[in-house]
Structures are given as structure tokens and as C-alpha cells.
Amino acid sequence: MTVNRIDQFKTFIEKNPADPFSHYGLAMEYVRNDRLGDALQIYSYLMERHPDYVPTYYQAGMAFSKAGDIEEAKRVFRNGIAAAERLGNVHAKNELEEALERVADSG
């Protein structure tokens, strides 16, 4: 019997709970499996505990948007832009600005 990806990420988290990538991967799998509520909980945890883990902001913003919470999506994108600026990550900053613009235009 094969282990599904959600279970794999949960095992990774058990072994190394401080690793943001494992939490991020689990949240991504929840989104892929239409478990937005579970994904949003993890993204919120990551933004609180690992505010410099910039990839979280794009995916979290997209998930909030998909869940219909446009204002929260915009807030997340803005926070991500600030984090990317703080870290000098121009590429991520540009992607987050584009995502913010798309969400703002849609809502």
C-alpha cells in the first residue's frame, strides 16, 4: 500500500516540526484535495511562525481568494510584498504585486 502525499507531509512534520517547507507542502496538498479550510489553517500558521517564508504568501493569498475571502487575500498579498521587500526578493515581490492586482480587479 502506498502512502498518500498528505500522510507523507504529516510524517515529515512529525520528524521536523520546525521545517516550514513540510507545512507548506501539506497545505498545497490540501488545496489540491479541495480541503481549503485545512490549507488556510496551515498557511495562517506559517505566516505567523515563519513570516520570512515568502512562498507562503502567494499560495495563501490564492487560497483565500478561492475561498471567496478577497479582503483577506489582498491583506496576505500585501504582507507578502512587505516580506519580499524586507528580504530583497524582487521576483517574489513582483509575483505578489501581480497577484494582488488580479485579485483587486476581480473583487
PDB file of N, CA and C in Angstrom:
ATOM      1  N   MET A   1       0.843  -1.187   0.000  1.00  0.00           N
ATOM      2  CA  MET A   1       0.000   0.000   0.000  1.00  0.00           C
ATOM      3  C   MET A   1       0.886   1.248   0.000  1.00  0.00           C
ATOM      4  N   THR A   2       0.574   2.177  -0.868  1.00  0.00           N
ATOM      5  CA  THR A   2       1.371   3.390  -0.930  1.00  0.00           C
ATOM      6  C   THR A   2       0.830   4.429   0.039  1.00  0.00           C
ATOM      7  N   VAL A   3       1.723   5.248   0.530  1.00  0.00           N
ATOM      8  CA  VAL A   3       1.346   6.330   1.428  1.00  0.00           C
ATOM      9  C   VAL A   3       0.986   7.536   0.573  1.00  0.00           C
ATOM     10  N   ASN A   4      -0.143   8.170   0.886  1.00  0.00           N
ATOM     11  CA  ASN A   4      -0.505   9.335   0.088  1.00  0.00           C
ATOM     12  C   ASN A   4       0.338  10.541   0.506  1.00  0.00           C
ATOM     13  N   ARG A   5       0.328  11.560  -0.326  1.00  0.00           N
ATOM     14  CA  ARG A   5       1.202  12.721  -0.102  1.00  0.00           C
ATOM     15  C   ARG A   5       0.839  13.478   1.166  1.00  0.00           C
ATOM     16  N   ILE A   6      -0.423  13.538   1.518  1.00  0.00           N
ATOM     17  CA  ILE A   6      -0.811  14.201   2.762  1.00  0.00           C
ATOM     18  C   ILE A   6      -0.159  13.495   3.942  1.00  0.00           C
ATOM     19  N   ASP A   7      -0.249  12.169   3.958  1.00  0.00           N
ATOM     20  CA  ASP A   7       0.376  11.408   5.041  1.00  0.00           C
ATOM     21  C   ASP A   7       1.895  11.567   5.040  1.00  0.00           C
ATOM     22  N   GLN A   8       2.488  11.642   3.863  1.00  0.00           N
ATOM     23  CA  GLN A   8       3.935  11.844   3.774  1.00  0.00           C
ATOM     24  C   GLN A   8       4.338  13.169   4.413  1.00  0.00           C
ATOM     25  N   PHE A   9       3.630  14.232   4.077  1.00  0.00           N
ATOM     26  CA  PHE A   9       3.966  15.528   4.665  1.00  0.00           C
ATOM     27  C   PHE A   9       3.721  15.543   6.169  1.00  0.00           C
ATOM     28  N   LYS A  10       2.681  14.867   6.634  1.00  0.00           N
ATOM     29  CA  LYS A  10       2.441  14.788   8.073  1.00  0.00           C
ATOM     30  C   LYS A  10       3.593  14.067   8.769  1.00  0.00           C
ATOM     31  N   THR A  11       4.120  13.030   8.130  1.00  0.00           N
ATOM     32  CA  THR A  11       5.273  12.316   8.688  1.00  0.00           C
ATOM     33  C   THR A  11       6.496  13.233   8.725  1.00  0.00           C
ATOM     34  N   PHE A  12       6.718  13.989   7.652  1.00  0.00           N
ATOM     35  CA  PHE A  12       7.836  14.941   7.629  1.00  0.00           C
ATOM     36  C   PHE A  12       7.710  15.951   8.767  1.00  0.00           C
ATOM     37  N   ILE A  13       6.493  16.431   9.006  1.00  0.00           N
ATOM     38  CA  ILE A  13       6.249  17.411  10.068  1.00  0.00           C
ATOM     39  C   ILE A  13       6.517  16.798  11.432  1.00  0.00           C
ATOM     40  N   GLU A  14       6.101  15.547  11.623  1.00  0.00           N
ATOM     41  CA  GLU A  14       6.372  14.871  12.895  1.00  0.00           C
ATOM     42  C   GLU A  14       7.870  14.774  13.152  1.00  0.00           C
ATOM     43  N   LYS A  15       8.640  14.499  12.112  1.00  0.00           N
ATOM     44  CA  LYS A  15      10.084  14.353  12.253  1.00  0.00           C
ATOM     45  C   LYS A  15      10.788  15.690  12.448  1.00  0.00           C
ATOM     46  N   ASN A  16      10.272  16.734  11.803  1.00  0.00           N
ATOM     47  CA  ASN A  16      10.902  18.049  11.893  1.00  0.00           C
ATOM     48  C   ASN A  16       9.825  19.138  11.888  1.00  0.00           C
ATOM     49  N   PRO A  17       9.180  19.358  13.030  1.00  0.00           N
ATOM     50  CA  PRO A  17       8.057  20.307  13.076  1.00  0.00           C
ATOM     51  C   PRO A  17       8.436  21.758  12.793  1.00  0.00           C
ATOM     52  N   ALA A  18       9.709  22.099  12.885  1.00  0.00           N
ATOM     53  CA  ALA A  18      10.125  23.480  12.647  1.00  0.00           C
ATOM     54  C   ALA A  18      10.390  23.776  11.169  1.00  0.00           C
ATOM     55  N   ASP A  19      10.315  22.773  10.309  1.00  0.00           N
ATOM     56  CA  ASP A  19      10.602  22.961   8.890  1.00  0.00           C
ATOM     57  C   ASP A  19       9.382  23.550   8.177  1.00  0.00           C
ATOM     58  N   PRO A  20       9.472  24.792   7.707  1.00  0.00           N
ATOM     59  CA  PRO A  20       8.300  25.389   7.062  1.00  0.00           C
ATOM     60  C   PRO A  20       7.922  24.706   5.759  1.00  0.00           C
ATOM     61  N   PHE A  21       8.895  24.130   5.037  1.00  0.00           N
ATOM     62  CA  PHE A  21       8.578  23.520   3.749  1.00  0.00           C
ATOM     63  C   PHE A  21       7.592  22.364   3.898  1.00  0.00           C
ATOM     64  N   SER A  22       7.729  21.562   4.931  1.00  0.00           N
ATOM     65  CA  SER A  22       6.810  20.432   5.120  1.00  0.00           C
ATOM     66  C   SER A  22       5.385  20.911   5.373  1.00  0.00           C
ATOM     67  N   HIS A  23       5.240  21.967   6.162  1.00  0.00           N
ATOM     68  CA  HIS A  23       3.912  22.542   6.402  1.00  0.00           C
ATOM     69  C   HIS A  23       3.346  23.112   5.095  1.00  0.00           C
ATOM     70  N   TYR A  24       4.198  23.806   4.364  1.00  0.00           N
ATOM     71  CA  TYR A  24       3.807  24.394   3.083  1.00  0.00           C
ATOM     72  C   TYR A  24       3.351  23.298   2.120  1.00  0.00           C
ATOM     73  N   GLY A  25       4.108  22.231   2.041  1.00  0.00           N
ATOM     74  CA  GLY A  25       3.746  21.114   1.162  1.00  0.00           C
ATOM     75  C   GLY A  25       2.415  20.491   1.548  1.00  0.00           C
ATOM     76  N   LEU A  26       2.196  20.353   2.855  1.00  0.00           N
ATOM     77  CA  LEU A  26       0.926  19.798   3.324  1.00  0.00           C
ATOM     78  C   LEU A  26      -0.232  20.714   2.934  1.00  0.00           C
ATOM     79  N   ALA A  27      -0.046  22.005   3.111  1.00  0.00           N
ATOM     80  CA  ALA A  27      -1.102  22.948   2.733  1.00  0.00           C
ATOM     81  C   ALA A  27      -1.399  22.867   1.231  1.00  0.00           C
ATOM     82  N   MET A  28      -0.343  22.751   0.428  1.00  0.00           N
ATOM     83  CA  MET A  28      -0.534  22.631  -1.018  1.00  0.00           C
ATOM     84  C   MET A  28      -1.327  21.363  -1.366  1.00  0.00           C
ATOM     85  N   GLU A  29      -1.041  20.277  -0.680  1.00  0.00           N
ATOM     86  CA  GLU A  29      -1.786  19.036  -0.925  1.00  0.00           C
ATOM     87  C   GLU A  29      -3.242  19.184  -0.508  1.00  0.00           C
ATOM     88  N   TYR A  30      -3.483  19.889   0.588  1.00  0.00           N
ATOM     89  CA  TYR A  30      -4.871  20.126   0.998  1.00  0.00           C
ATOM     90  C   TYR A  30      -5.612  20.922  -0.079  1.00  0.00           C
ATOM     91  N   VAL A  31      -4.971  21.920  -0.648  1.00  0.00           N
ATOM     92  CA  VAL A  31      -5.612  22.691  -1.719  1.00  0.00           C
ATOM     93  C   VAL A  31      -5.926  21.766  -2.893  1.00  0.00           C
ATOM     94  N   ARG A  32      -4.963  20.934  -3.272  1.00  0.00           N
ATOM     95  CA  ARG A  32      -5.165  20.009  -4.403  1.00  0.00           C
ATOM     96  C   ARG A  32      -6.324  19.042  -4.145  1.00  0.00           C
ATOM     97  N   ASN A  33      -6.585  18.780  -2.872  1.00  0.00           N
ATOM     98  CA  ASN A  33      -7.650  17.849  -2.497  1.00  0.00           C
ATOM     99  C   ASN A  33      -8.920  18.576  -2.054  1.00  0.00           C
ATOM    100  N   ASP A  34      -9.041  19.842  -2.440  1.00  0.00           N
ATOM    101  CA  ASP A  34     -10.225  20.663  -2.119  1.00  0.00           C
ATOM    102  C   ASP A  34     -10.524  20.719  -0.626  1.00  0.00           C
ATOM    103  N   ARG A  35      -9.472  20.789   0.169  1.00  0.00           N
ATOM    104  CA  ARG A  35      -9.609  20.953   1.613  1.00  0.00           C
ATOM    105  C   ARG A  35      -9.064  22.335   1.992  1.00  0.00           C
ATOM    106  N   LEU A  36      -9.759  23.360   1.497  1.00  0.00           N
ATOM    107  CA  LEU A  36      -9.294  24.734   1.678  1.00  0.00           C
ATOM    108  C   LEU A  36      -9.201  25.146   3.140  1.00  0.00           C
ATOM    109  N   GLY A  37     -10.151  24.744   3.939  1.00  0.00           N
ATOM    110  CA  GLY A  37     -10.125  25.107   5.357  1.00  0.00           C
ATOM    111  C   GLY A  37      -8.858  24.614   6.034  1.00  0.00           C
ATOM    112  N   ASP A  38      -8.492  23.363   5.762  1.00  0.00           N
ATOM    113  CA  ASP A  38      -7.266  22.804   6.334  1.00  0.00           C
ATOM    114  C   ASP A  38      -6.042  23.555   5.810  1.00  0.00           C
ATOM    115  N   ALA A  39      -6.036  23.851   4.517  1.00  0.00           N
ATOM    116  CA  ALA A  39      -4.908  24.570   3.913  1.00  0.00           C
ATOM    117  C   ALA A  39      -4.772  25.965   4.524  1.00  0.00           C
ATOM    118  N   LEU A  40      -5.884  26.662   4.688  1.00  0.00           N
ATOM    119  CA  LEU A  40      -5.835  28.017   5.218  1.00  0.00           C
ATOM    120  C   LEU A  40      -5.319  28.043   6.651  1.00  0.00           C
ATOM    121  N   GLN A  41      -5.649  27.031   7.427  1.00  0.00           N
ATOM    122  CA  GLN A  41      -5.123  26.943   8.795  1.00  0.00           C
ATOM    123  C   GLN A  41      -3.601  26.834   8.775  1.00  0.00           C
ATOM    124  N   ILE A  42      -3.092  26.015   7.893  1.00  0.00           N
ATOM    125  CA  ILE A  42      -1.641  25.830   7.819  1.00  0.00           C
ATOM    126  C   ILE A  42      -0.974  27.087   7.277  1.00  0.00           C
ATOM    127  N   TYR A  43      -1.528  27.684   6.253  1.00  0.00           N
ATOM    128  CA  TYR A  43      -0.951  28.916   5.729  1.00  0.00           C
ATOM    129  C   TYR A  43      -0.924  30.002   6.813  1.00  0.00           C
ATOM    130  N   SER A  44      -1.991  30.106   7.591  1.00  0.00           N
ATOM    131  CA  SER A  44      -2.028  31.092   8.670  1.00  0.00           C
ATOM    132  C   SER A  44      -0.941  30.806   9.702  1.00  0.00           C
ATOM    133  N   TYR A  45      -0.776  29.540  10.039  1.00  0.00           N
ATOM    134  CA  TYR A  45       0.288  29.131  10.960  1.00  0.00           C
ATOM    135  C   TYR A  45       1.654  29.536  10.401  1.00  0.00           C
ATOM    136  N   LEU A  46       1.890  29.257   9.127  1.00  0.00           N
ATOM    137  CA  LEU A  46       3.179  29.579   8.513  1.00  0.00           C
ATOM    138  C   LEU A  46       3.446  31.078   8.513  1.00  0.00           C
ATOM    139  N   MET A  47       2.439  31.873   8.184  1.00  0.00           N
ATOM    140  CA  MET A  47       2.642  33.315   8.141  1.00  0.00           C
ATOM    141  C   MET A  47       2.939  33.871   9.529  1.00  0.00           C
ATOM    142  N   GLU A  48       2.374  33.249  10.540  1.00  0.00           N
ATOM    143  CA  GLU A  48       2.619  33.679  11.917  1.00  0.00           C
ATOM    144  C   GLU A  48       3.987  33.212  12.409  1.00  0.00           C
ATOM    145  N   ARG A  49       4.286  31.950  12.195  1.00  0.00           N
ATOM    146  CA  ARG A  49       5.508  31.351  12.742  1.00  0.00           C
ATOM    147  C   ARG A  49       6.742  31.513  11.856  1.00  0.00           C
ATOM    148  N   HIS A  50       6.540  31.634  10.557  1.00  0.00           N
ATOM    149  CA  HIS A  50       7.647  31.739   9.599  1.00  0.00           C
ATOM    150  C   HIS A  50       7.372  32.886   8.621  1.00  0.00           C
ATOM    151  N   PRO A  51       7.329  34.115   9.138  1.00  0.00           N
ATOM    152  CA  PRO A  51       6.939  35.246   8.291  1.00  0.00           C
ATOM    153  C   PRO A  51       7.902  35.524   7.138  1.00  0.00           C
ATOM    154  N   ASP A  52       9.101  34.977   7.184  1.00  0.00           N
ATOM    155  CA  ASP A  52      10.050  35.186   6.091  1.00  0.00           C
ATOM    156  C   ASP A  52       9.997  34.069   5.051  1.00  0.00           C
ATOM    157  N   TYR A  53       9.105  33.104   5.216  1.00  0.00           N
ATOM    158  CA  TYR A  53       8.961  32.038   4.224  1.00  0.00           C
ATOM    159  C   TYR A  53       8.014  32.567   3.142  1.00  0.00           C
ATOM    160  N   VAL A  54       8.567  33.309   2.227  1.00  0.00           N
ATOM    161  CA  VAL A  54       7.811  34.102   1.250  1.00  0.00           C
ATOM    162  C   VAL A  54       6.864  33.287   0.363  1.00  0.00           C
ATOM    163  N   PRO A  55       7.205  32.063  -0.057  1.00  0.00           N
ATOM    164  CA  PRO A  55       6.270  31.336  -0.932  1.00  0.00           C
ATOM    165  C   PRO A  55       4.870  31.171  -0.332  1.00  0.00           C
ATOM    166  N   THR A  56       4.794  31.169   0.977  1.00  0.00           N
ATOM    167  CA  THR A  56       3.505  31.002   1.646  1.00  0.00           C
ATOM    168  C   THR A  56       2.511  32.074   1.225  1.00  0.00           C
ATOM    169  N   TYR A  57       2.976  33.299   1.099  1.00  0.00           N
ATOM    170  CA  TYR A  57       2.055  34.408   0.864  1.00  0.00           C
ATOM    171  C   TYR A  57       1.306  34.289  -0.463  1.00  0.00           C
ATOM    172  N   TYR A  58       2.001  33.892  -1.492  1.00  0.00           N
ATOM    173  CA  TYR A  58       1.334  33.750  -2.793  1.00  0.00           C
ATOM    174  C   TYR A  58       0.265  32.663  -2.719  1.00  0.00           C
ATOM    175  N   GLN A  59       0.648  31.490  -2.229  1.00  0.00           N
ATOM    176  CA  GLN A  59      -0.297  30.375  -2.185  1.00  0.00           C
ATOM    177  C   GLN A  59      -1.433  30.647  -1.207  1.00  0.00           C
ATOM    178  N   ALA A  60      -1.125  31.273  -0.075  1.00  0.00           N
ATOM    179  CA  ALA A  60      -2.177  31.599   0.892  1.00  0.00           C
ATOM    180  C   ALA A  60      -3.154  32.609   0.304  1.00  0.00           C
ATOM    181  N   GLY A  61      -2.626  33.621  -0.348  1.00  0.00           N
ATOM    182  CA  GLY A  61      -3.494  34.609  -0.975  1.00  0.00           C
ATOM    183  C   GLY A  61      -4.406  33.988  -2.017  1.00  0.00           C
ATOM    184  N   MET A  62      -3.840  33.090  -2.819  1.00  0.00           N
ATOM    185  CA  MET A  62      -4.649  32.414  -3.834  1.00  0.00           C
ATOM    186  C   MET A  62      -5.729  31.538  -3.169  1.00  0.00           C
ATOM    187  N   ALA A  63      -5.374  30.878  -2.089  1.00  0.00           N
ATOM    188  CA  ALA A  63      -6.344  30.021  -1.396  1.00  0.00           C
ATOM    189  C   ALA A  63      -7.458  30.854  -0.766  1.00  0.00           C
ATOM    190  N   PHE A  64      -7.107  31.979  -0.145  1.00  0.00           N
ATOM    191  CA  PHE A  64      -8.145  32.851   0.412  1.00  0.00           C
ATOM    192  C   PHE A  64      -9.056  33.377  -0.704  1.00  0.00           C
ATOM    193  N   SER A  65      -8.462  33.712  -1.831  1.00  0.00           N
ATOM    194  CA  SER A  65      -9.247  34.169  -2.967  1.00  0.00           C
ATOM    195  C   SER A  65     -10.194  33.072  -3.439  1.00  0.00           C
ATOM    196  N   LYS A  66      -9.677  31.867  -3.559  1.00  0.00           N
ATOM    197  CA  LYS A  66     -10.502  30.729  -3.984  1.00  0.00           C
ATOM    198  C   LYS A  66     -11.643  30.468  -3.004  1.00  0.00           C
ATOM    199  N   ALA A  67     -11.377  30.734  -1.718  1.00  0.00           N
ATOM    200  CA  ALA A  67     -12.398  30.541  -0.686  1.00  0.00           C
ATOM    201  C   ALA A  67     -13.404  31.697  -0.657  1.00  0.00           C
ATOM    202  N   GLY A  68     -13.152  32.721  -1.472  1.00  0.00           N
ATOM    203  CA  GLY A  68     -14.084  33.840  -1.551  1.00  0.00           C
ATOM    204  C   GLY A  68     -13.788  34.979  -0.596  1.00  0.00           C
ATOM    205  N   ASP A  69     -12.678  34.917   0.136  1.00  0.00           N
ATOM    206  CA  ASP A  69     -12.315  35.975   1.079  1.00  0.00           C
ATOM    207  C   ASP A  69     -11.298  36.901   0.417  1.00  0.00           C
ATOM    208  N   ILE A  70     -11.806  37.772  -0.446  1.00  0.00           N
ATOM    209  CA  ILE A  70     -10.955  38.649  -1.250  1.00  0.00           C
ATOM    210  C   ILE A  70     -10.186  39.639  -0.381  1.00  0.00           C
ATOM    211  N   GLU A  71     -10.806  40.166   0.639  1.00  0.00           N
ATOM    212  CA  GLU A  71     -10.116  41.131   1.503  1.00  0.00           C
ATOM    213  C   GLU A  71      -8.939  40.479   2.223  1.00  0.00           C
ATOM    214  N   GLU A  72      -9.117  39.275   2.693  1.00  0.00           N
ATOM    215  CA  GLU A  72      -8.019  38.572   3.352  1.00  0.00           C
ATOM    216  C   GLU A  72      -6.931  38.224   2.336  1.00  0.00           C
ATOM    217  N   ALA A  73      -7.327  37.854   1.144  1.00  0.00           N
ATOM    218  CA  ALA A  73      -6.341  37.572   0.091  1.00  0.00           C
ATOM    219  C   ALA A  73      -5.491  38.810  -0.175  1.00  0.00           C
ATOM    220  N   LYS A  74      -6.123  39.973  -0.274  1.00  0.00           N
ATOM    221  CA  LYS A  74      -5.376  41.208  -0.514  1.00  0.00           C
ATOM    222  C   LYS A  74      -4.437  41.507   0.648  1.00  0.00           C
ATOM    223  N   ARG A  75      -4.907  41.307   1.868  1.00  0.00           N
ATOM    224  CA  ARG A  75      -4.067  41.547   3.044  1.00  0.00           C
ATOM    225  C   ARG A  75      -2.841  40.636   3.018  1.00  0.00           C
ATOM    226  N   VAL A  76      -3.059  39.367   2.684  1.00  0.00           N
ATOM    227  CA  VAL A  76      -1.965  38.402   2.623  1.00  0.00           C
ATOM    228  C   VAL A  76      -0.959  38.799   1.546  1.00  0.00           C
ATOM    229  N   PHE A  77      -1.440  39.165   0.373  1.00  0.00           N
ATOM    230  CA  PHE A  77      -0.532  39.590  -0.691  1.00  0.00           C
ATOM    231  C   PHE A  77       0.279  40.814  -0.266  1.00  0.00           C
ATOM    232  N   ARG A  78      -0.366  41.770   0.391  1.00  0.00           N
ATOM    233  CA  ARG A  78       0.357  42.968   0.847  1.00  0.00           C
ATOM    234  C   ARG A  78       1.434  42.597   1.868  1.00  0.00           C
ATOM    235  N   ASN A  79       1.096  41.709   2.789  1.00  0.00           N
ATOM    236  CA  ASN A  79       2.087  41.259   3.776  1.00  0.00           C
ATOM    237  C   ASN A  79       3.234  40.526   3.090  1.00  0.00           C
ATOM    238  N   GLY A  80       2.915  39.751   2.072  1.00  0.00           N
ATOM    239  CA  GLY A  80       3.944  39.044   1.322  1.00  0.00           C
ATOM    240  C   GLY A  80       4.855  40.000   0.578  1.00  0.00           C
ATOM    241  N   ILE A  81       4.287  41.038   0.017  1.00  0.00           N
ATOM    242  CA  ILE A  81       5.090  42.058  -0.676  1.00  0.00           C
ATOM    243  C   ILE A  81       6.068  42.690   0.315  1.00  0.00           C
ATOM    244  N   ALA A  82       5.573  43.012   1.498  1.00  0.00           N
ATOM    245  CA  ALA A  82       6.444  43.600   2.529  1.00  0.00           C
ATOM    246  C   ALA A  82       7.558  42.631   2.923  1.00  0.00           C
ATOM    247  N   ALA A  83       7.229  41.356   3.075  1.00  0.00           N
ATOM    248  CA  ALA A  83       8.239  40.356   3.430  1.00  0.00           C
ATOM    249  C   ALA A  83       9.270  40.222   2.319  1.00  0.00           C
ATOM    250  N   ALA A  84       8.813  40.176   1.084  1.00  0.00           N
ATOM    251  CA  ALA A  84       9.731  40.048  -0.050  1.00  0.00           C
ATOM    252  C   ALA A  84      10.644  41.263  -0.145  1.00  0.00           C
ATOM    253  N   GLU A  85      10.099  42.445   0.073  1.00  0.00           N
ATOM    254  CA  GLU A  85      10.927  43.659   0.070  1.00  0.00           C
ATOM    255  C   GLU A  85      11.971  43.596   1.166  1.00  0.00           C
ATOM    256  N   ARG A  86      11.548  43.199   2.353  1.00  0.00           N
ATOM    257  CA  ARG A  86      12.446  43.106   3.502  1.00  0.00           C
ATOM    258  C   ARG A  86      13.618  42.161   3.216  1.00  0.00           C
ATOM    259  N   LEU A  87      13.323  41.094   2.467  1.00  0.00           N
ATOM    260  CA  LEU A  87      14.337  40.089   2.174  1.00  0.00           C
ATOM    261  C   LEU A  87      15.068  40.335   0.856  1.00  0.00           C
ATOM    262  N   GLY A  88      14.665  41.355   0.125  1.00  0.00           N
ATOM    263  CA  GLY A  88      15.297  41.664  -1.149  1.00  0.00           C
ATOM    264  C   GLY A  88      14.952  40.678  -2.250  1.00  0.00           C
ATOM    265  N   ASN A  89      13.796  40.037  -2.143  1.00  0.00           N
ATOM    266  CA  ASN A  89      13.370  39.052  -3.133  1.00  0.00           C
ATOM    267  C   ASN A  89      12.485  39.747  -4.177  1.00  0.00           C
ATOM    268  N   VAL A  90      13.120  40.295  -5.174  1.00  0.00           N
ATOM    269  CA  VAL A  90      12.425  41.086  -6.193  1.00  0.00           C
ATOM    270  C   VAL A  90      11.451  40.233  -7.002  1.00  0.00           C
ATOM    271  N   HIS A  91      11.860  39.031  -7.357  1.00  0.00           N
ATOM    272  CA  HIS A  91      10.998  38.151  -8.157  1.00  0.00           C
ATOM    273  C   HIS A  91       9.690  37.857  -7.408  1.00  0.00           C
ATOM    274  N   ALA A  92       9.790  37.465  -6.155  1.00  0.00           N
ATOM    275  CA  ALA A  92       8.587  37.167  -5.366  1.00  0.00           C
ATOM    276  C   ALA A  92       7.738  38.421  -5.195  1.00  0.00           C
ATOM    277  N   LYS A  93       8.392  39.547  -4.957  1.00  0.00           N
ATOM    278  CA  LYS A  93       7.660  40.813  -4.807  1.00  0.00           C
ATOM    279  C   LYS A  93       6.839  41.102  -6.061  1.00  0.00           C
ATOM    280  N   ASN A  94       7.440  40.931  -7.231  1.00  0.00           N
ATOM    281  CA  ASN A  94       6.729  41.176  -8.491  1.00  0.00           C
ATOM    282  C   ASN A  94       5.550  40.224  -8.665  1.00  0.00           C
ATOM    283  N   GLU A  95       5.754  38.951  -8.362  1.00  0.00           N
ATOM    284  CA  GLU A  95       4.657  37.977  -8.470  1.00  0.00           C
ATOM    285  C   GLU A  95       3.518  38.319  -7.525  1.00  0.00           C
ATOM    286  N   LEU A  96       3.855  38.723  -6.308  1.00  0.00           N
ATOM    287  CA  LEU A  96       2.829  39.073  -5.326  1.00  0.00           C
ATOM    288  C   LEU A  96       2.081  40.340  -5.728  1.00  0.00           C
ATOM    289  N   GLU A  97       2.795  41.305  -6.286  1.00  0.00           N
ATOM    290  CA  GLU A  97       2.134  42.522  -6.759  1.00  0.00           C
ATOM    291  C   GLU A  97       1.169  42.213  -7.902  1.00  0.00           C
ATOM    292  N   GLU A  98       1.575  41.337  -8.811  1.00  0.00           N
ATOM    293  CA  GLU A  98       0.694  40.944  -9.915  1.00  0.00           C
ATOM    294  C   GLU A  98      -0.543  40.206  -9.389  1.00  0.00           C
ATOM    295  N   ALA A  99      -0.336  39.329  -8.413  1.00  0.00           N
ATOM    296  CA  ALA A  99      -1.462  38.590  -7.838  1.00  0.00           C
ATOM    297  C   ALA A  99      -2.414  39.542  -7.121  1.00  0.00           C
ATOM    298  N   LEU A 100      -1.869  40.495  -6.400  1.00  0.00           N
ATOM    299  CA  LEU A 100      -2.693  41.485  -5.706  1.00  0.00           C
ATOM    300  C   LEU A 100      -3.533  42.262  -6.714  1.00  0.00           C
ATOM    301  N   GLU A 101      -2.917  42.668  -7.807  1.00  0.00           N
ATOM    302  CA  GLU A 101      -3.638  43.416  -8.838  1.00  0.00           C
ATOM    303  C   GLU A 101      -4.771  42.577  -9.443  1.00  0.00           C
ATOM    304  N   ARG A 102      -4.480  41.311  -9.739  1.00  0.00           N
ATOM    305  CA  ARG A 102      -5.522  40.435 -10.313  1.00  0.00           C
ATOM    306  C   ARG A 102      -6.679  40.254  -9.345  1.00  0.00           C
ATOM    307  N   VAL A 103      -6.381  40.049  -8.076  1.00  0.00           N
ATOM    308  CA  VAL A 103      -7.444  39.839  -7.084  1.00  0.00           C
ATOM    309  C   VAL A 103      -8.218  41.126  -6.870  1.00  0.00           C
ATOM    310  N   ALA A 104      -7.513  42.235  -6.803  1.00  0.00           N
ATOM    311  CA  ALA A 104      -8.187  43.531  -6.609  1.00  0.00           C
ATOM    312  C   ALA A 104      -9.124  43.837  -7.772  1.00  0.00           C
ATOM    313  N   ASP A 105      -8.700  43.481  -8.994  1.00  0.00           N
ATOM    314  CA  ASP A 105      -9.530  43.720 -10.172  1.00  0.00           C
ATOM    315  C   ASP A 105     -10.757  42.810 -10.216  1.00  0.00           C
ATOM    316  N   SER A 106     -10.617  41.623  -9.622  1.00  0.00           N
ATOM    317  CA  SER A 106     -11.726  40.657  -9.666  1.00  0.00           C
ATOM    318  C   SER A 106     -12.762  40.914  -8.571  1.00  0.00           C
ATOM    319  N   GLY A 107     -12.360  41.607  -7.525  1.00  0.00           N
ATOM    320  CA  GLY A 107     -13.289  41.775  -6.404  1.00  0.00           C
ATOM    321  C   GLY A 107     -13.614  43.152  -6.200  1.00  0.00           C
TER     322      GLY A 107
END
